[in-house]
C-alpha atoms as a PDB file:
ATOM      1  CA  MET A   1       0.000   0.000   0.000  1.00  0.00           C
ATOM      2  CA  HIS A   2       2.829   2.403   0.870  1.00  0.00           C
ATOM      3  CA  LEU A   3       4.546   1.665  -2.441  1.00  0.00           C
ATOM      4  CA  ARG A   4       1.281   2.302  -4.231  1.00  0.00           C
ATOM      5  CA  LYS A   5       0.927   5.774  -2.630  1.00  0.00           C
ATOM      6  CA  LEU A   6       4.520   6.616  -3.495  1.00  0.00           C
ATOM      7  CA  LEU A   7       3.953   5.559  -7.102  1.00  0.00           C
ATOM      8  CA  LEU A   8       0.754   7.644  -7.289  1.00  0.00           C
ATOM      9  CA  VAL A   9       2.477  10.744  -5.870  1.00  0.00           C
ATOM     10  CA  SER A  10       5.391  10.290  -8.290  1.00  0.00           C
ATOM     11  CA  LEU A  11       2.990   9.961 -11.189  1.00  0.00           C
ATOM     12  CA  CYS A  12       1.142  13.139 -10.154  1.00  0.00           C
ATOM     13  CA  VAL A  13       4.401  15.072  -9.908  1.00  0.00           C
ATOM     14  CA  LEU A  14       5.406  13.820 -13.351  1.00  0.00           C
ATOM     15  CA  CYS A  15       2.045  14.813 -14.862  1.00  0.00           C
ATOM     16  CA  VAL A  16       2.154  18.300 -13.370  1.00  0.00           C
ATOM     17  CA  SER A  17       5.733  18.718 -14.536  1.00  0.00           C
ATOM     18  CA  CYS A  18       4.878  17.647 -18.098  1.00  0.00           C
ATOM     19  CA  ALA A  19       1.747  19.802 -18.255  1.00  0.00           C
ATOM     20  CA  SER A  20       3.535  23.029 -17.402  1.00  0.00           C
ATOM     21  CA  ASN A  21       4.983  25.054 -20.243  1.00  0.00           C
ATOM     22  CA  ARG A  22       8.219  25.740 -18.402  1.00  0.00           C
ATOM     23  CA  PRO A  23      10.774  23.104 -17.628  1.00  0.00           C
ATOM     24  CA  SER A  24      11.046  22.259 -13.972  1.00  0.00           C
ATOM     25  CA  GLY A  25      13.527  20.496 -11.813  1.00  0.00           C
ATOM     26  CA  TYR A  26      17.098  19.826 -12.693  1.00  0.00           C
ATOM     27  CA  GLY A  27      19.045  21.267 -15.548  1.00  0.00           C
ATOM     28  CA  TYR A  28      16.880  24.333 -16.215  1.00  0.00           C
ATOM     29  CA  ASP A  29      18.919  26.651 -18.371  1.00  0.00           C
ATOM     30  CA  LYS A  30      17.153  29.987 -18.855  1.00  0.00           C
ATOM     31  CA  ASP A  31      19.276  30.925 -21.873  1.00  0.00           C
ATOM     32  CA  ILE A  32      18.344  27.744 -23.715  1.00  0.00           C
ATOM     33  CA  TYR A  33      14.669  27.913 -22.721  1.00  0.00           C
ATOM     34  CA  ASP A  34      14.387  31.571 -23.692  1.00  0.00           C
ATOM     35  CA  SER A  35      16.025  31.142 -27.090  1.00  0.00           C
ATOM     36  CA  PRO A  36      14.006  32.400 -30.072  1.00  0.00           C
ATOM     37  CA  GLU A  37      13.696  28.838 -31.363  1.00  0.00           C
ATOM     38  CA  ASN A  38      12.196  27.597 -28.116  1.00  0.00           C
ATOM     39  CA  GLN A  39       9.937  30.640 -27.795  1.00  0.00           C
ATOM     40  CA  TYR A  40       8.644  29.802 -31.275  1.00  0.00           C
ATOM     41  CA  LYS A  41       8.083  26.156 -30.338  1.00  0.00           C
ATOM     42  CA  ILE A  42       6.102  27.117 -27.238  1.00  0.00           C
ATOM     43  CA  GLY A  43       4.022  29.559 -29.279  1.00  0.00           C
ATOM     44  CA  TYR A  44       3.368  26.856 -31.856  1.00  0.00           C
ATOM     45  CA  ARG A  45       2.134  24.492 -29.145  1.00  0.00           C
ATOM     46  CA  TYR A  46      -0.328  27.144 -27.992  1.00  0.00           C
ATOM     47  CA  LEU A  47      -1.369  27.818 -31.594  1.00  0.00           C
ATOM     48  CA  LEU A  48      -2.193  24.154 -32.235  1.00  0.00           C
ATOM     49  CA  GLY A  49      -3.350  23.254 -28.733  1.00  0.00           C
ATOM     50  CA  GLN A  50      -0.617  20.681 -28.189  1.00  0.00           C
ATOM     51  CA  GLY A  51      -0.531  19.757 -24.499  1.00  0.00           C
ATOM     52  CA  GLY A  52      -3.548  21.914 -23.686  1.00  0.00           C
ATOM     53  CA  PRO A  53      -6.298  23.976 -25.267  1.00  0.00           C
ATOM     54  CA  ILE A  54      -5.638  26.281 -28.207  1.00  0.00           C
ATOM     55  CA  ASN A  55      -4.674  29.687 -26.857  1.00  0.00           C
ATOM     56  CA  TYR A  56      -4.029  32.318 -29.515  1.00  0.00           C
ATOM     57  CA  SER A  57      -3.255  35.032 -26.970  1.00  0.00           C
ATOM     58  CA  GLU A  58      -0.447  32.984 -25.415  1.00  0.00           C
ATOM     59  CA  ALA A  59       0.799  31.956 -28.865  1.00  0.00           C
ATOM     60  CA  LEU A  60       0.994  35.652 -29.718  1.00  0.00           C
ATOM     61  CA  VAL A  61       3.116  36.381 -26.636  1.00  0.00           C
ATOM     62  CA  TYR A  62       5.687  33.701 -27.458  1.00  0.00           C
ATOM     63  CA  PHE A  63       5.710  34.398 -31.191  1.00  0.00           C
ATOM     64  CA  ASN A  64       6.316  38.092 -30.475  1.00  0.00           C
ATOM     65  CA  LYS A  65       9.329  37.253 -28.303  1.00  0.00           C
ATOM     66  CA  ALA A  66      10.824  34.986 -30.957  1.00  0.00           C
ATOM     67  CA  ALA A  67       9.927  37.230 -33.913  1.00  0.00           C
ATOM     68  CA  ASN A  68      11.471  40.292 -32.340  1.00  0.00           C
ATOM     69  CA  ASP A  69      14.666  38.258 -31.960  1.00  0.00           C
ATOM     70  CA  GLY A  70      14.577  37.481 -35.691  1.00  0.00           C
ATOM     71  CA  ASN A  71      12.952  34.028 -35.783  1.00  0.00           C
ATOM     72  CA  ARG A  72      11.481  33.819 -39.285  1.00  0.00           C
ATOM     73  CA  TYR A  73       9.005  31.072 -38.413  1.00  0.00           C
ATOM     74  CA  ALA A  74       7.549  33.134 -35.568  1.00  0.00           C
ATOM     75  CA  GLN A  75       7.375  36.146 -37.883  1.00  0.00           C
ATOM     76  CA  ASN A  76       5.371  34.081 -40.362  1.00  0.00           C
ATOM     77  CA  GLU A  77       3.018  32.822 -37.637  1.00  0.00           C
ATOM     78  CA  LEU A  78       2.456  36.382 -36.413  1.00  0.00           C
ATOM     79  CA  GLY A  79       1.536  37.280 -39.979  1.00  0.00           C
ATOM     80  CA  TYR A  80      -1.025  34.478 -39.912  1.00  0.00           C
ATOM     81  CA  LEU A  81      -2.476  35.517 -36.534  1.00  0.00           C
ATOM     82  CA  TYR A  82      -2.938  39.099 -37.707  1.00  0.00           C
ATOM     83  CA  ALA A  83      -4.274  38.115 -41.153  1.00  0.00           C
ATOM     84  CA  ALA A  84      -6.795  35.701 -39.631  1.00  0.00           C
ATOM     85  CA  GLY A  85      -7.618  37.768 -36.543  1.00  0.00           C
ATOM     86  CA  LYS A  86      -6.682  34.966 -34.158  1.00  0.00           C
ATOM     87  CA  GLY A  87      -6.010  36.329 -30.675  1.00  0.00           C
ATOM     88  CA  VAL A  88      -5.811  39.877 -32.067  1.00  0.00           C
ATOM     89  CA  PRO A  89      -8.057  42.086 -34.164  1.00  0.00           C
ATOM     90  CA  LYS A  90      -7.626  41.327 -37.860  1.00  0.00           C
ATOM     91  CA  ASN A  91      -4.968  43.675 -39.254  1.00  0.00           C
ATOM     92  CA  TYR A  92      -3.708  43.054 -42.771  1.00  0.00           C
ATOM     93  CA  HIS A  93      -1.105  45.829 -42.587  1.00  0.00           C
ATOM     94  CA  THR A  94       0.529  44.205 -39.566  1.00  0.00           C
ATOM     95  CA  ALA A  95       0.268  40.797 -41.235  1.00  0.00           C
ATOM     96  CA  ILE A  96       2.115  42.163 -44.272  1.00  0.00           C
ATOM     97  CA  LEU A  97       4.817  43.605 -42.023  1.00  0.00           C
ATOM     98  CA  TRP A  98       5.492  40.212 -40.407  1.00  0.00           C
ATOM     99  CA  TYR A  99       5.224  38.252 -43.653  1.00  0.00           C
ATOM    100  CA  THR A 100       7.685  40.689 -45.239  1.00  0.00           C
ATOM    101  CA  LYS A 101      10.216  40.172 -42.433  1.00  0.00           C
ATOM    102  CA  ALA A 102       9.995  36.394 -42.732  1.00  0.00           C
ATOM    103  CA  SER A 103      10.037  36.547 -46.529  1.00  0.00           C
ATOM    104  CA  ALA A 104      13.222  38.640 -46.433  1.00  0.00           C
ATOM    105  CA  GLN A 105      14.802  35.704 -44.578  1.00  0.00           C
ATOM    106  CA  ASN A 106      13.877  33.445 -47.508  1.00  0.00           C
ATOM    107  CA  LEU A 107      11.076  31.508 -45.794  1.00  0.00           C
ATOM    108  CA  ALA A 108       9.088  29.884 -48.608  1.00  0.00           C
ATOM    109  CA  SER A 109       5.768  29.801 -46.729  1.00  0.00           C
ATOM    110  CA  ALA A 110       6.083  33.505 -45.852  1.00  0.00           C
ATOM    111  CA  GLN A 111       6.846  34.353 -49.475  1.00  0.00           C
ATOM    112  CA  TYR A 112       3.714  32.484 -50.503  1.00  0.00           C
ATOM    113  CA  ASN A 113       1.599  34.102 -47.767  1.00  0.00           C
ATOM    114  CA  LEU A 114       2.841  37.554 -48.716  1.00  0.00           C
ATOM    115  CA  GLY A 115       2.153  36.750 -52.362  1.00  0.00           C
ATOM    116  CA  MET A 116      -1.440  35.889 -51.431  1.00  0.00           C
ATOM    117  CA  MET A 117      -1.825  39.248 -49.706  1.00  0.00           C
ATOM    118  CA  TYR A 118      -0.705  41.007 -52.914  1.00  0.00           C
ATOM    119  CA  ALA A 119      -2.791  38.729 -55.147  1.00  0.00           C
ATOM    120  CA  ASP A 120      -5.963  39.367 -53.143  1.00  0.00           C
ATOM    121  CA  GLY A 121      -5.263  42.994 -52.265  1.00  0.00           C
ATOM    122  CA  LEU A 122      -5.407  42.404 -48.510  1.00  0.00           C
ATOM    123  CA  GLY A 123      -3.862  45.395 -46.762  1.00  0.00           C
ATOM    124  CA  THR A 124      -2.263  46.497 -50.006  1.00  0.00           C
ATOM    125  CA  PRO A 125      -3.388  47.307 -53.535  1.00  0.00           C
ATOM    126  CA  VAL A 126      -3.669  44.254 -55.769  1.00  0.00           C
ATOM    127  CA  ASP A 127      -0.303  43.644 -57.434  1.00  0.00           C
ATOM    128  CA  LYS A 128      -0.359  40.453 -59.491  1.00  0.00           C
ATOM    129  CA  ASN A 129       3.236  40.953 -60.664  1.00  0.00           C
ATOM    130  CA  LYS A 130       4.542  41.182 -57.095  1.00  0.00           C
ATOM    131  CA  ALA A 131       2.417  38.176 -56.148  1.00  0.00           C
ATOM    132  CA  MET A 132       3.839  36.106 -59.007  1.00  0.00           C
ATOM    133  CA  GLU A 133       7.397  37.127 -58.111  1.00  0.00           C
ATOM    134  CA  LEU A 134       6.836  35.957 -54.534  1.00  0.00           C
ATOM    135  CA  PHE A 135       5.162  32.738 -55.690  1.00  0.00           C
ATOM    136  CA  ARG A 136       8.187  32.033 -57.927  1.00  0.00           C
ATOM    137  CA  LYS A 137      10.631  32.540 -55.060  1.00  0.00           C
ATOM    138  CA  SER A 138       8.580  30.222 -52.902  1.00  0.00           C
ATOM    139  CA  ALA A 139       8.070  27.614 -55.632  1.00  0.00           C
ATOM    140  CA  ASP A 140      11.809  27.600 -56.354  1.00  0.00           C
ATOM    141  CA  GLN A 141      12.236  26.275 -52.824  1.00  0.00           C
ATOM    142  CA  GLY A 142       9.732  23.508 -53.508  1.00  0.00           C
ATOM    143  CA  PHE A 143       6.750  24.998 -51.650  1.00  0.00           C
ATOM    144  CA  ALA A 144       3.782  23.093 -53.135  1.00  0.00           C
ATOM    145  CA  PRO A 145       1.063  25.755 -52.653  1.00  0.00           C
ATOM    146  CA  ALA A 146       3.234  28.262 -54.532  1.00  0.00           C
ATOM    147  CA  ARG A 147       3.730  25.783 -57.347  1.00  0.00           C
ATOM    148  CA  ARG A 148      -0.025  25.317 -57.560  1.00  0.00           C
ATOM    149  CA  ALA A 149      -0.515  29.094 -57.605  1.00  0.00           C
ATOM    150  CA  LEU A 150       1.818  29.226 -60.605  1.00  0.00           C
ATOM    151  CA  GLY A 151       0.013  26.346 -62.298  1.00  0.00           C
ATOM    152  CA  GLN A 152       3.006  24.001 -62.085  1.00  0.00           C
END
């Protein structure tokens, strides 16, 4: 019976530790945890609801930290959140700003997303030539939606 209680307590501690979004216990290294890559990963978990419910507001917090440190994936996700109005009011101008930053770092999905903004005139005048240029850059990296947009 005593062993059973000990096992139950250990299991509860493990579950609580795994459920938290911050590492606990031994070996916590703030510099590694707070890296832009890890901030992005935490934001992505909130965006998709991995390990808990979807939380766009928390995703926004972590993506902002990573994006402001230059993480191109977080910049692209911020573009999505603003374009879709997830966790923030819909703002195409801000979406374009973040997509542009990620696109400048040669992220194929951001180039495609930015191309869609130009193609549809979301937050910018319609510019089919700019859209096609961005689709080409993205398709050249093998991004399938961009290839489809170009009819390839």
